[in-house]
Amino acid sequence: MSLEFPEQYIPRLDVLETEIAIKLAKDTFERELARELGLMRVSAPLFVRPETGLNDDLNGVERPVQFDVLDIHSDVQIVHSLAKWKRLALKRYGFKPGTGLYTDMNAIRRDEELDNIHSVYVDQWDWEKVITAADRTLATLYSAAKSVMIALRTTERLLVSRFSPLTPFLPEEITFLTSQELEDRYPALTPKEREDAAAKEFGAVFISQIGGPLRSGLAHDGRAPDYDDWLLNGDILVWYPLLGHALELSSMGIRVDAAALSRQLTAAGCDERRSLPFHRMLLQDRLPLTMGGGIGQSRICMLLLHKAHIGEVQASVWPDGMIEACEARGIHLL
């Protein structure tokens, strides 16, 4: 069990105020995100059939929650995220370039190591947008990251105006660094330490090109080979003074085209996925070119409401020792 306890922590909002603020934060950010990126809301699945290849494999080692459905005589998996499903939905629903969708994504990640910012219950806004071949650039990706930050700052301003104990701290600008630039800038640090150092230095950073090996021979972080193009993806991180480290709010990217998928499947040793329905469609150029990402709902609420533990803004399950340790320090888990 890994926990961090801010010194003399006192929640700025009580439990009932927190619940009201969570609703306001989610409603506001969702509306602003849709407006900034030109998205419409759609319904999405909680589970998918494993043989479709639609589930997000995350880093490739996490075990999905799986159960059988009586009437279809088959197993289904609770999603890790909707990275692949969204792209198929854009094709099925007939979205055109420049338009896109977002949805509430609820997932169970049973293998998460629980701490202040990680829970087995994951709630995200998953979004996806159709683009053209000319849009498959870092400039397009950076523009989308700026839009996410605009929605976040708008939400922060509204919360601060409604709840006097809250104070603003998000920077006006976000700094863009590739994972190689990050390694060059902080060569003696681990990837996680580099993220903390950059977030503390700049306030908010977008770390791009995650998944492939750096000049050191090591990857900055793991990425599944079949949704983001490793040369055109990235994470939004902000410095969180309460805990004294970076907080990742979003992972996003321009999705693989046929060439990138083929290259990355081979690099990751996952060539067997070429036969899955989703992957066959991609390799045959039968899916639209897209970009998209996931944005943590509880992470954003935790950040904007100045909470020390993600369990203060979402109802999940925690080890007894964690619950007791938090209660002893004024951290009330929902």
C-alpha atoms as a PDB file:
ATOM      1  CA  MET A   1       0.000   0.000   0.000  1.00  0.00           C
ATOM      2  CA  SER A   2       1.495   3.301  -1.130  1.00  0.00           C
ATOM      3  CA  LEU A   3       0.033   6.487   0.324  1.00  0.00           C
ATOM      4  CA  GLU A   4       1.011  10.139   0.587  1.00  0.00           C
ATOM      5  CA  PHE A   5      -0.344  12.343   3.357  1.00  0.00           C
ATOM      6  CA  PRO A   6      -0.107  16.132   2.996  1.00  0.00           C
ATOM      7  CA  GLU A   7       0.880  17.782   6.259  1.00  0.00           C
ATOM      8  CA  GLN A   8      -2.031  19.212   8.256  1.00  0.00           C
ATOM      9  CA  TYR A   9      -4.514  18.307   5.527  1.00  0.00           C
ATOM     10  CA  ILE A  10      -7.990  19.778   5.941  1.00  0.00           C
ATOM     11  CA  PRO A  11     -10.482  19.237   3.083  1.00  0.00           C
ATOM     12  CA  ARG A  12     -11.586  22.573   1.654  1.00  0.00           C
ATOM     13  CA  LEU A  13     -15.111  21.234   1.067  1.00  0.00           C
ATOM     14  CA  ASP A  14     -17.133  18.910   3.290  1.00  0.00           C
ATOM     15  CA  VAL A  15     -18.720  15.731   1.907  1.00  0.00           C
ATOM     16  CA  LEU A  16     -21.979  17.325   0.764  1.00  0.00           C
ATOM     17  CA  GLU A  17     -20.247  20.353  -0.743  1.00  0.00           C
ATOM     18  CA  THR A  18     -17.881  17.946  -2.473  1.00  0.00           C
ATOM     19  CA  GLU A  19     -20.757  16.025  -4.060  1.00  0.00           C
ATOM     20  CA  ILE A  20     -22.285  19.270  -5.364  1.00  0.00           C
ATOM     21  CA  ALA A  21     -18.914  20.410  -6.686  1.00  0.00           C
ATOM     22  CA  ILE A  22     -18.262  17.060  -8.409  1.00  0.00           C
ATOM     23  CA  LYS A  23     -21.511  17.418 -10.361  1.00  0.00           C
ATOM     24  CA  LEU A  24     -20.710  21.001 -11.338  1.00  0.00           C
ATOM     25  CA  ALA A  25     -17.145  20.115 -12.359  1.00  0.00           C
ATOM     26  CA  LYS A  26     -18.206  17.171 -14.509  1.00  0.00           C
ATOM     27  CA  ASP A  27     -21.103  18.985 -16.169  1.00  0.00           C
ATOM     28  CA  THR A  28     -18.972  22.026 -16.935  1.00  0.00           C
ATOM     29  CA  PHE A  29     -15.913  20.221 -18.227  1.00  0.00           C
ATOM     30  CA  GLU A  30     -17.958  17.863 -20.385  1.00  0.00           C
ATOM     31  CA  ARG A  31     -19.804  20.772 -21.986  1.00  0.00           C
ATOM     32  CA  GLU A  32     -16.637  22.802 -22.561  1.00  0.00           C
ATOM     33  CA  LEU A  33     -14.715  19.830 -23.951  1.00  0.00           C
ATOM     34  CA  ALA A  34     -17.479  19.080 -26.450  1.00  0.00           C
ATOM     35  CA  ARG A  35     -17.564  22.730 -27.516  1.00  0.00           C
ATOM     36  CA  GLU A  36     -13.797  23.085 -27.880  1.00  0.00           C
ATOM     37  CA  LEU A  37     -13.334  19.891 -29.904  1.00  0.00           C
ATOM     38  CA  GLY A  38     -16.657  19.793 -31.775  1.00  0.00           C
ATOM     39  CA  LEU A  39     -17.933  16.553 -30.238  1.00  0.00           C
ATOM     40  CA  MET A  40     -21.365  15.009 -29.629  1.00  0.00           C
ATOM     41  CA  ARG A  41     -22.185  12.559 -26.843  1.00  0.00           C
ATOM     42  CA  VAL A  42     -23.003   8.922 -27.630  1.00  0.00           C
ATOM     43  CA  SER A  43     -23.759   5.834 -25.554  1.00  0.00           C
ATOM     44  CA  ALA A  44     -21.011   3.263 -25.116  1.00  0.00           C
ATOM     45  CA  PRO A  45     -20.607  -0.338 -23.905  1.00  0.00           C
ATOM     46  CA  LEU A  46     -19.459  -1.470 -20.484  1.00  0.00           C
ATOM     47  CA  PHE A  47     -18.227  -4.774 -21.914  1.00  0.00           C
ATOM     48  CA  VAL A  48     -17.180  -6.255 -25.265  1.00  0.00           C
ATOM     49  CA  ARG A  49     -16.495  -9.722 -26.677  1.00  0.00           C
ATOM     50  CA  PRO A  50     -12.775 -10.565 -26.387  1.00  0.00           C
ATOM     51  CA  GLU A  51     -12.588 -12.136 -29.855  1.00  0.00           C
ATOM     52  CA  THR A  52     -13.374  -8.767 -31.485  1.00  0.00           C
ATOM     53  CA  GLY A  53     -10.061  -7.272 -30.363  1.00  0.00           C
ATOM     54  CA  LEU A  54     -11.915  -4.130 -29.272  1.00  0.00           C
ATOM     55  CA  ASN A  55     -10.755  -4.039 -25.662  1.00  0.00           C
ATOM     56  CA  ASP A  56      -7.869  -1.721 -24.826  1.00  0.00           C
ATOM     57  CA  ASP A  57      -4.803  -3.759 -23.852  1.00  0.00           C
ATOM     58  CA  LEU A  58      -3.235  -0.817 -21.969  1.00  0.00           C
ATOM     59  CA  ASN A  59       0.367  -1.920 -21.343  1.00  0.00           C
ATOM     60  CA  GLY A  60      -0.350  -5.455 -22.515  1.00  0.00           C
ATOM     61  CA  VAL A  61      -0.168  -7.158 -19.111  1.00  0.00           C
ATOM     62  CA  GLU A  62      -3.322  -6.039 -17.283  1.00  0.00           C
ATOM     63  CA  ARG A  63      -6.005  -8.719 -16.818  1.00  0.00           C
ATOM     64  CA  PRO A  64      -9.534  -7.740 -17.879  1.00  0.00           C
ATOM     65  CA  VAL A  65     -12.535  -8.706 -15.776  1.00  0.00           C
ATOM     66  CA  GLN A  66     -14.282 -11.455 -17.733  1.00  0.00           C
ATOM     67  CA  PHE A  67     -17.608 -13.228 -17.247  1.00  0.00           C
ATOM     68  CA  ASP A  68     -20.002 -15.358 -19.257  1.00  0.00           C
ATOM     69  CA  VAL A  69     -23.355 -14.249 -20.660  1.00  0.00           C
ATOM     70  CA  LEU A  70     -25.897 -17.065 -20.553  1.00  0.00           C
ATOM     71  CA  ASP A  71     -27.877 -16.317 -23.719  1.00  0.00           C
ATOM     72  CA  ILE A  72     -24.900 -15.813 -26.030  1.00  0.00           C
ATOM     73  CA  HIS A  73     -22.964 -18.815 -24.652  1.00  0.00           C
ATOM     74  CA  SER A  74     -19.807 -16.768 -24.605  1.00  0.00           C
ATOM     75  CA  ASP A  75     -17.573 -14.669 -22.364  1.00  0.00           C
ATOM     76  CA  VAL A  76     -17.375 -10.887 -22.414  1.00  0.00           C
ATOM     77  CA  GLN A  77     -14.792  -8.509 -20.948  1.00  0.00           C
ATOM     78  CA  ILE A  78     -15.379  -5.280 -19.050  1.00  0.00           C
ATOM     79  CA  VAL A  79     -13.549  -2.596 -20.998  1.00  0.00           C
ATOM     80  CA  HIS A  80     -10.237  -1.109 -19.943  1.00  0.00           C
ATOM     81  CA  SER A  81     -11.021   1.848 -22.184  1.00  0.00           C
ATOM     82  CA  LEU A  82     -12.870   2.495 -25.428  1.00  0.00           C
ATOM     83  CA  ALA A  83      -9.916   3.484 -27.613  1.00  0.00           C
ATOM     84  CA  LYS A  84     -10.766   0.987 -30.360  1.00  0.00           C
ATOM     85  CA  TRP A  85     -14.554   0.871 -29.961  1.00  0.00           C
ATOM     86  CA  LYS A  86     -14.810   4.626 -30.573  1.00  0.00           C
ATOM     87  CA  ARG A  87     -13.048   4.371 -33.912  1.00  0.00           C
ATOM     88  CA  LEU A  88     -15.410   1.639 -35.077  1.00  0.00           C
ATOM     89  CA  ALA A  89     -18.384   3.721 -33.854  1.00  0.00           C
ATOM     90  CA  LEU A  90     -17.250   6.710 -35.931  1.00  0.00           C
ATOM     91  CA  LYS A  91     -17.420   4.500 -39.035  1.00  0.00           C
ATOM     92  CA  ARG A  92     -20.724   2.857 -38.118  1.00  0.00           C
ATOM     93  CA  TYR A  93     -22.432   6.159 -37.297  1.00  0.00           C
ATOM     94  CA  GLY A  94     -21.144   7.968 -40.385  1.00  0.00           C
ATOM     95  CA  PHE A  95     -19.089  10.758 -38.795  1.00  0.00           C
ATOM     96  CA  LYS A  96     -17.243  13.017 -41.239  1.00  0.00           C
ATOM     97  CA  PRO A  97     -13.774  14.632 -40.964  1.00  0.00           C
ATOM     98  CA  GLY A  98     -13.762  17.405 -38.374  1.00  0.00           C
ATOM     99  CA  THR A  99     -16.577  15.825 -36.326  1.00  0.00           C
ATOM    100  CA  GLY A 100     -16.406  13.411 -33.433  1.00  0.00           C
ATOM    101  CA  LEU A 101     -17.949  11.834 -30.375  1.00  0.00           C
ATOM    102  CA  TYR A 102     -17.399  11.551 -26.649  1.00  0.00           C
ATOM    103  CA  THR A 103     -18.834   9.226 -24.062  1.00  0.00           C
ATOM    104  CA  ASP A 104     -18.777   8.383 -20.371  1.00  0.00           C
ATOM    105  CA  MET A 105     -16.466   5.405 -19.996  1.00  0.00           C
ATOM    106  CA  ASN A 106     -16.615   3.248 -16.875  1.00  0.00           C
ATOM    107  CA  ALA A 107     -14.027   0.522 -16.455  1.00  0.00           C
ATOM    108  CA  ILE A 108     -12.575  -1.894 -13.943  1.00  0.00           C
ATOM    109  CA  ARG A 109      -8.804  -2.272 -13.824  1.00  0.00           C
ATOM    110  CA  ARG A 110      -8.282  -5.057 -11.348  1.00  0.00           C
ATOM    111  CA  ASP A 111      -4.487  -4.929 -11.450  1.00  0.00           C
ATOM    112  CA  GLU A 112      -4.073  -1.265 -10.467  1.00  0.00           C
ATOM    113  CA  GLU A 113      -1.788  -0.613  -7.518  1.00  0.00           C
ATOM    114  CA  LEU A 114      -4.009   1.431  -5.232  1.00  0.00           C
ATOM    115  CA  ASP A 115      -2.739   4.733  -3.904  1.00  0.00           C
ATOM    116  CA  ASN A 116      -3.779   8.399  -3.750  1.00  0.00           C
ATOM    117  CA  ILE A 117      -4.474   8.644  -7.473  1.00  0.00           C
ATOM    118  CA  HIS A 118      -5.203   5.065  -8.610  1.00  0.00           C
ATOM    119  CA  SER A 119      -8.426   3.105  -8.161  1.00  0.00           C
ATOM    120  CA  VAL A 120      -9.755  -0.157  -9.603  1.00  0.00           C
ATOM    121  CA  TYR A 121     -12.748   1.895 -10.780  1.00  0.00           C
ATOM    122  CA  VAL A 122     -11.919   4.147 -13.724  1.00  0.00           C
ATOM    123  CA  ASP A 123     -14.249   6.840 -15.016  1.00  0.00           C
ATOM    124  CA  GLN A 124     -13.210   8.793 -18.094  1.00  0.00           C
ATOM    125  CA  TRP A 125     -14.492  10.958 -20.842  1.00  0.00           C
ATOM    126  CA  ASP A 126     -13.416   9.011 -23.902  1.00  0.00           C
ATOM    127  CA  TRP A 127     -13.452  11.072 -27.093  1.00  0.00           C
ATOM    128  CA  GLU A 128     -12.643  10.402 -30.734  1.00  0.00           C
ATOM    129  CA  LYS A 129     -12.660  12.579 -33.843  1.00  0.00           C
ATOM    130  CA  VAL A 130     -12.362  11.853 -37.577  1.00  0.00           C
ATOM    131  CA  ILE A 131      -9.358  13.496 -39.243  1.00  0.00           C
ATOM    132  CA  THR A 132      -7.725  13.489 -42.671  1.00  0.00           C
ATOM    133  CA  ALA A 133      -4.306  12.176 -43.692  1.00  0.00           C
ATOM    134  CA  ALA A 134      -3.029  15.770 -43.708  1.00  0.00           C
ATOM    135  CA  ASP A 135      -4.087  16.107 -40.044  1.00  0.00           C
ATOM    136  CA  ARG A 136      -1.805  13.299 -38.856  1.00  0.00           C
ATOM    137  CA  THR A 137       0.767  15.698 -37.375  1.00  0.00           C
ATOM    138  CA  LEU A 138       2.057  16.757 -33.978  1.00  0.00           C
ATOM    139  CA  ALA A 139       0.572  20.208 -34.632  1.00  0.00           C
ATOM    140  CA  THR A 140      -2.913  18.690 -34.778  1.00  0.00           C
ATOM    141  CA  LEU A 141      -2.270  16.763 -31.578  1.00  0.00           C
ATOM    142  CA  TYR A 142      -0.907  19.830 -29.771  1.00  0.00           C
ATOM    143  CA  SER A 143      -3.940  21.877 -30.801  1.00  0.00           C
ATOM    144  CA  ALA A 144      -6.248  19.275 -29.261  1.00  0.00           C
ATOM    145  CA  ALA A 145      -4.218  19.253 -26.037  1.00  0.00           C
ATOM    146  CA  LYS A 146      -4.575  23.040 -25.826  1.00  0.00           C
ATOM    147  CA  SER A 147      -8.348  22.667 -26.231  1.00  0.00           C
ATOM    148  CA  VAL A 148      -8.464  20.205 -23.326  1.00  0.00           C
ATOM    149  CA  MET A 149      -6.554  22.686 -21.155  1.00  0.00           C
ATOM    150  CA  ILE A 150      -8.908  25.530 -22.125  1.00  0.00           C
ATOM    151  CA  ALA A 151     -11.876  23.418 -20.986  1.00  0.00           C
ATOM    152  CA  LEU A 152     -10.055  22.589 -17.765  1.00  0.00           C
ATOM    153  CA  ARG A 153      -9.231  26.216 -16.943  1.00  0.00           C
ATOM    154  CA  THR A 154     -12.818  27.286 -17.682  1.00  0.00           C
ATOM    155  CA  THR A 155     -14.042  24.635 -15.248  1.00  0.00           C
ATOM    156  CA  GLU A 156     -11.551  25.763 -12.614  1.00  0.00           C
ATOM    157  CA  ARG A 157     -12.693  29.385 -12.889  1.00  0.00           C
ATOM    158  CA  LEU A 158     -16.345  28.420 -12.395  1.00  0.00           C
ATOM    159  CA  LEU A 159     -15.607  26.238  -9.369  1.00  0.00           C
ATOM    160  CA  VAL A 160     -13.522  28.974  -7.750  1.00  0.00           C
ATOM    161  CA  SER A 161     -16.365  31.460  -8.285  1.00  0.00           C
ATOM    162  CA  ARG A 162     -18.906  29.099  -6.656  1.00  0.00           C
ATOM    163  CA  PHE A 163     -16.849  27.740  -3.760  1.00  0.00           C
ATOM    164  CA  SER A 164     -14.839  30.351  -1.897  1.00  0.00           C
ATOM    165  CA  PRO A 165     -12.395  27.894  -0.205  1.00  0.00           C
ATOM    166  CA  LEU A 166     -11.063  26.883  -3.629  1.00  0.00           C
ATOM    167  CA  THR A 167      -8.209  28.798  -5.239  1.00  0.00           C
ATOM    168  CA  PRO A 168      -6.926  28.653  -8.847  1.00  0.00           C
ATOM    169  CA  PHE A 169      -3.491  27.239  -9.608  1.00  0.00           C
ATOM    170  CA  LEU A 170      -3.561  25.961 -13.203  1.00  0.00           C
ATOM    171  CA  PRO A 171      -1.094  27.757 -15.506  1.00  0.00           C
ATOM    172  CA  GLU A 172      -2.322  29.677 -18.535  1.00  0.00           C
ATOM    173  CA  GLU A 173      -0.018  27.827 -20.916  1.00  0.00           C
ATOM    174  CA  ILE A 174       0.987  24.210 -21.494  1.00  0.00           C
ATOM    175  CA  THR A 175       4.557  23.284 -22.505  1.00  0.00           C
ATOM    176  CA  PHE A 176       5.172  20.652 -25.181  1.00  0.00           C
ATOM    177  CA  LEU A 177       8.086  18.222 -24.882  1.00  0.00           C
ATOM    178  CA  THR A 178       8.800  14.944 -26.644  1.00  0.00           C
ATOM    179  CA  SER A 179       9.804  11.987 -24.499  1.00  0.00           C
ATOM    180  CA  GLN A 180      13.288  12.221 -26.052  1.00  0.00           C
ATOM    181  CA  GLU A 181      13.553  15.910 -25.145  1.00  0.00           C
ATOM    182  CA  LEU A 182      12.498  14.936 -21.630  1.00  0.00           C
ATOM    183  CA  GLU A 183      15.234  12.308 -21.429  1.00  0.00           C
ATOM    184  CA  ASP A 184      17.793  14.784 -22.788  1.00  0.00           C
ATOM    185  CA  ARG A 185      16.676  17.445 -20.316  1.00  0.00           C
ATOM    186  CA  TYR A 186      16.799  15.179 -17.239  1.00  0.00           C
ATOM    187  CA  PRO A 187      19.167  12.315 -18.199  1.00  0.00           C
ATOM    188  CA  ALA A 188      19.880  11.193 -14.634  1.00  0.00           C
ATOM    189  CA  LEU A 189      16.209  10.772 -13.695  1.00  0.00           C
ATOM    190  CA  THR A 190      13.758   7.915 -14.213  1.00  0.00           C
ATOM    191  CA  PRO A 191      10.836   8.527 -16.602  1.00  0.00           C
ATOM    192  CA  LYS A 192       8.467   9.200 -13.679  1.00  0.00           C
ATOM    193  CA  GLU A 193      10.968  11.559 -12.056  1.00  0.00           C
ATOM    194  CA  ARG A 194      11.344  13.376 -15.377  1.00  0.00           C
ATOM    195  CA  GLU A 195       7.595  13.913 -15.561  1.00  0.00           C
ATOM    196  CA  ASP A 196       7.588  15.340 -12.039  1.00  0.00           C
ATOM    197  CA  ALA A 197      10.528  17.610 -12.786  1.00  0.00           C
ATOM    198  CA  ALA A 198       8.995  18.965 -15.996  1.00  0.00           C
ATOM    199  CA  ALA A 199       5.550  19.459 -14.447  1.00  0.00           C
ATOM    200  CA  LYS A 200       7.070  21.314 -11.493  1.00  0.00           C
ATOM    201  CA  GLU A 201       9.189  23.487 -13.790  1.00  0.00           C
ATOM    202  CA  PHE A 202       6.416  24.412 -16.237  1.00  0.00           C
ATOM    203  CA  GLY A 203       3.141  23.850 -14.341  1.00  0.00           C
ATOM    204  CA  ALA A 204       1.514  21.893 -17.162  1.00  0.00           C
ATOM    205  CA  VAL A 205       3.255  19.754 -19.782  1.00  0.00           C
ATOM    206  CA  PHE A 206       2.336  17.582 -22.720  1.00  0.00           C
ATOM    207  CA  ILE A 207       4.795  14.703 -23.115  1.00  0.00           C
ATOM    208  CA  SER A 208       4.591  13.286 -26.640  1.00  0.00           C
ATOM    209  CA  GLN A 209       5.924  10.297 -28.578  1.00  0.00           C
ATOM    210  CA  ILE A 210       5.464   7.607 -25.941  1.00  0.00           C
ATOM    211  CA  GLY A 211       5.861   3.896 -26.625  1.00  0.00           C
ATOM    212  CA  GLY A 212       8.933   3.430 -28.794  1.00  0.00           C
ATOM    213  CA  PRO A 213      12.521   3.187 -27.513  1.00  0.00           C
ATOM    214  CA  LEU A 214      14.510   6.345 -26.810  1.00  0.00           C
ATOM    215  CA  ARG A 215      18.193   6.856 -27.574  1.00  0.00           C
ATOM    216  CA  SER A 216      18.938   5.223 -24.222  1.00  0.00           C
ATOM    217  CA  GLY A 217      17.286   2.062 -25.562  1.00  0.00           C
ATOM    218  CA  LEU A 218      14.408   2.295 -23.079  1.00  0.00           C
ATOM    219  CA  ALA A 219      10.848   3.459 -23.705  1.00  0.00           C
ATOM    220  CA  HIS A 220       9.518   6.371 -21.667  1.00  0.00           C
ATOM    221  CA  ASP A 221       6.408   4.303 -20.867  1.00  0.00           C
ATOM    222  CA  GLY A 222       4.500   1.347 -22.259  1.00  0.00           C
ATOM    223  CA  ARG A 223       1.769   1.747 -24.881  1.00  0.00           C
ATOM    224  CA  ALA A 224      -0.348  -0.862 -26.624  1.00  0.00           C
ATOM    225  CA  PRO A 225       0.716  -1.111 -30.285  1.00  0.00           C
ATOM    226  CA  ASP A 226      -2.735  -0.988 -31.847  1.00  0.00           C
ATOM    227  CA  TYR A 227      -4.388   2.325 -31.026  1.00  0.00           C
ATOM    228  CA  ASP A 228      -2.031   5.323 -30.750  1.00  0.00           C
ATOM    229  CA  ASP A 229       0.712   6.011 -33.253  1.00  0.00           C
ATOM    230  CA  TRP A 230       3.773   6.090 -30.987  1.00  0.00           C
ATOM    231  CA  LEU A 231       5.149   9.056 -32.918  1.00  0.00           C
ATOM    232  CA  LEU A 232       1.891  11.028 -32.569  1.00  0.00           C
ATOM    233  CA  ASN A 233       0.619  10.516 -29.020  1.00  0.00           C
ATOM    234  CA  GLY A 234       1.097  12.048 -25.595  1.00  0.00           C
ATOM    235  CA  ASP A 235       0.000  12.685 -22.006  1.00  0.00           C
ATOM    236  CA  ILE A 236      -1.186  15.869 -20.297  1.00  0.00           C
ATOM    237  CA  LEU A 237       0.356  16.313 -16.855  1.00  0.00           C
ATOM    238  CA  VAL A 238      -0.035  19.140 -14.367  1.00  0.00           C
ATOM    239  CA  TRP A 239       1.935  19.897 -11.234  1.00  0.00           C
ATOM    240  CA  TYR A 240      -0.202  19.176  -8.158  1.00  0.00           C
ATOM    241  CA  PRO A 241       1.187  21.125  -5.208  1.00  0.00           C
ATOM    242  CA  LEU A 242      -0.921  19.287  -2.611  1.00  0.00           C
ATOM    243  CA  LEU A 243       0.827  15.976  -3.280  1.00  0.00           C
ATOM    244  CA  GLY A 244       4.049  17.439  -4.630  1.00  0.00           C
ATOM    245  CA  HIS A 245       4.167  15.572  -7.931  1.00  0.00           C
ATOM    246  CA  ALA A 246       2.713  15.513 -11.434  1.00  0.00           C
ATOM    247  CA  LEU A 247      -0.847  14.371 -12.002  1.00  0.00           C
ATOM    248  CA  GLU A 248      -1.631  12.767 -15.363  1.00  0.00           C
ATOM    249  CA  LEU A 249      -5.034  13.936 -16.586  1.00  0.00           C
ATOM    250  CA  SER A 250      -5.213  12.618 -20.113  1.00  0.00           C
ATOM    251  CA  SER A 251      -3.626  10.162 -22.508  1.00  0.00           C
ATOM    252  CA  MET A 252      -4.374  10.950 -26.140  1.00  0.00           C
ATOM    253  CA  GLY A 253      -3.069  10.570 -29.641  1.00  0.00           C
ATOM    254  CA  ILE A 254      -3.520  10.288 -33.353  1.00  0.00           C
ATOM    255  CA  ARG A 255      -4.508   6.693 -33.978  1.00  0.00           C
ATOM    256  CA  VAL A 256      -2.539   4.209 -36.019  1.00  0.00           C
ATOM    257  CA  ASP A 257      -3.059   4.010 -39.749  1.00  0.00           C
ATOM    258  CA  ALA A 258      -2.341   0.730 -41.564  1.00  0.00           C
ATOM    259  CA  ALA A 259       1.399   1.402 -41.838  1.00  0.00           C
ATOM    260  CA  ALA A 260       1.836   2.425 -38.196  1.00  0.00           C
ATOM    261  CA  LEU A 261      -0.240  -0.525 -36.975  1.00  0.00           C
ATOM    262  CA  SER A 262       1.809  -3.008 -38.984  1.00  0.00           C
ATOM    263  CA  ARG A 263       5.076  -1.479 -37.774  1.00  0.00           C
ATOM    264  CA  GLN A 264       4.066  -1.391 -34.113  1.00  0.00           C
ATOM    265  CA  LEU A 265       2.533  -4.873 -33.996  1.00  0.00           C
ATOM    266  CA  THR A 266       5.833  -6.291 -35.192  1.00  0.00           C
ATOM    267  CA  ALA A 267       7.881  -4.118 -32.806  1.00  0.00           C
ATOM    268  CA  ALA A 268       5.737  -5.233 -29.864  1.00  0.00           C
ATOM    269  CA  GLY A 269       5.765  -8.908 -30.838  1.00  0.00           C
ATOM    270  CA  CYS A 270       2.006  -8.894 -31.345  1.00  0.00           C
ATOM    271  CA  ASP A 271       1.688  -9.985 -34.961  1.00  0.00           C
ATOM    272  CA  GLU A 272      -0.975 -12.545 -34.012  1.00  0.00           C
ATOM    273  CA  ARG A 273      -3.433  -9.660 -33.605  1.00  0.00           C
ATOM    274  CA  ARG A 274      -3.418  -9.092 -37.362  1.00  0.00           C
ATOM    275  CA  SER A 275      -6.139 -11.732 -37.683  1.00  0.00           C
ATOM    276  CA  LEU A 276      -8.585 -10.035 -35.273  1.00  0.00           C
ATOM    277  CA  PRO A 277     -11.602  -8.341 -36.922  1.00  0.00           C
ATOM    278  CA  PHE A 278     -10.733  -4.800 -35.795  1.00  0.00           C
ATOM    279  CA  HIS A 279      -7.113  -5.141 -36.839  1.00  0.00           C
ATOM    280  CA  ARG A 280      -7.997  -6.626 -40.225  1.00  0.00           C
ATOM    281  CA  MET A 281     -10.244  -3.641 -40.916  1.00  0.00           C
ATOM    282  CA  LEU A 282      -7.429  -1.252 -40.020  1.00  0.00           C
ATOM    283  CA  LEU A 283      -4.825  -3.046 -42.108  1.00  0.00           C
ATOM    284  CA  GLN A 284      -7.227  -2.964 -45.073  1.00  0.00           C
ATOM    285  CA  ASP A 285      -7.869   0.814 -44.628  1.00  0.00           C
ATOM    286  CA  ARG A 286     -11.552   0.185 -43.884  1.00  0.00           C
ATOM    287  CA  LEU A 287     -11.700   2.469 -40.815  1.00  0.00           C
ATOM    288  CA  PRO A 288     -11.529   6.283 -40.734  1.00  0.00           C
ATOM    289  CA  LEU A 289      -8.370   8.082 -39.687  1.00  0.00           C
ATOM    290  CA  THR A 290      -8.967   9.418 -36.185  1.00  0.00           C
ATOM    291  CA  MET A 291      -7.493  11.023 -33.116  1.00  0.00           C
ATOM    292  CA  GLY A 292      -8.778  10.787 -29.574  1.00  0.00           C
ATOM    293  CA  GLY A 293      -8.083  10.217 -25.932  1.00  0.00           C
ATOM    294  CA  GLY A 294      -9.298   9.567 -22.440  1.00  0.00           C
ATOM    295  CA  ILE A 295      -9.631  12.179 -19.703  1.00  0.00           C
ATOM    296  CA  GLY A 296      -9.958  11.061 -16.102  1.00  0.00           C
ATOM    297  CA  GLN A 297     -13.164  12.354 -14.524  1.00  0.00           C
ATOM    298  CA  SER A 298     -12.185  11.613 -10.935  1.00  0.00           C
ATOM    299  CA  ARG A 299      -8.625  12.844 -11.539  1.00  0.00           C
ATOM    300  CA  ILE A 300      -9.990  16.210 -12.684  1.00  0.00           C
ATOM    301  CA  CYS A 301     -12.369  16.440  -9.730  1.00  0.00           C
ATOM    302  CA  MET A 302      -9.579  15.525  -7.323  1.00  0.00           C
ATOM    303  CA  LEU A 303      -7.334  18.189  -8.825  1.00  0.00           C
ATOM    304  CA  LEU A 304      -9.856  21.033  -8.992  1.00  0.00           C
ATOM    305  CA  LEU A 305     -11.369  20.341  -5.547  1.00  0.00           C
ATOM    306  CA  HIS A 306      -7.902  20.112  -3.927  1.00  0.00           C
ATOM    307  CA  LYS A 307      -8.374  16.562  -2.640  1.00  0.00           C
ATOM    308  CA  ALA A 308      -5.582  14.369  -1.288  1.00  0.00           C
ATOM    309  CA  HIS A 309      -7.060  11.030  -2.400  1.00  0.00           C
ATOM    310  CA  ILE A 310      -9.098  10.000  -5.422  1.00  0.00           C
ATOM    311  CA  GLY A 311     -11.442   8.148  -3.058  1.00  0.00           C
ATOM    312  CA  GLU A 312     -12.661  11.549  -1.836  1.00  0.00           C
ATOM    313  CA  VAL A 313     -14.372  12.119  -5.206  1.00  0.00           C
ATOM    314  CA  GLN A 314     -15.406   8.584  -6.247  1.00  0.00           C
ATOM    315  CA  ALA A 315     -16.929   5.565  -4.520  1.00  0.00           C
ATOM    316  CA  SER A 316     -14.678   2.517  -4.871  1.00  0.00           C
ATOM    317  CA  VAL A 317     -13.113  -0.192  -2.706  1.00  0.00           C
ATOM    318  CA  TRP A 318      -9.934   0.193  -0.686  1.00  0.00           C
ATOM    319  CA  PRO A 319      -7.837  -1.937   1.667  1.00  0.00           C
ATOM    320  CA  ASP A 320      -8.925  -1.672   5.303  1.00  0.00           C
ATOM    321  CA  GLY A 321      -5.515  -0.330   6.254  1.00  0.00           C
ATOM    322  CA  MET A 322      -5.812   2.452   3.696  1.00  0.00           C
ATOM    323  CA  ILE A 323      -9.252   3.457   4.924  1.00  0.00           C
ATOM    324  CA  GLU A 324      -8.050   3.585   8.530  1.00  0.00           C
ATOM    325  CA  ALA A 325      -4.873   5.513   7.677  1.00  0.00           C
ATOM    326  CA  CYS A 326      -6.844   8.062   5.663  1.00  0.00           C
ATOM    327  CA  GLU A 327      -9.485   8.576   8.343  1.00  0.00           C
ATOM    328  CA  ALA A 328      -6.767   9.188  10.933  1.00  0.00           C
ATOM    329  CA  ARG A 329      -5.484  12.063   8.782  1.00  0.00           C
ATOM    330  CA  GLY A 330      -8.786  13.710   7.856  1.00  0.00           C
ATOM    331  CA  ILE A 331      -9.150  12.070   4.447  1.00  0.00           C
ATOM    332  CA  HIS A 332     -12.734  10.815   4.179  1.00  0.00           C
ATOM    333  CA  LEU A 333     -13.185   8.222   1.436  1.00  0.00           C
ATOM    334  CA  LEU A 334     -16.622   8.027  -0.151  1.00  0.00           C
END
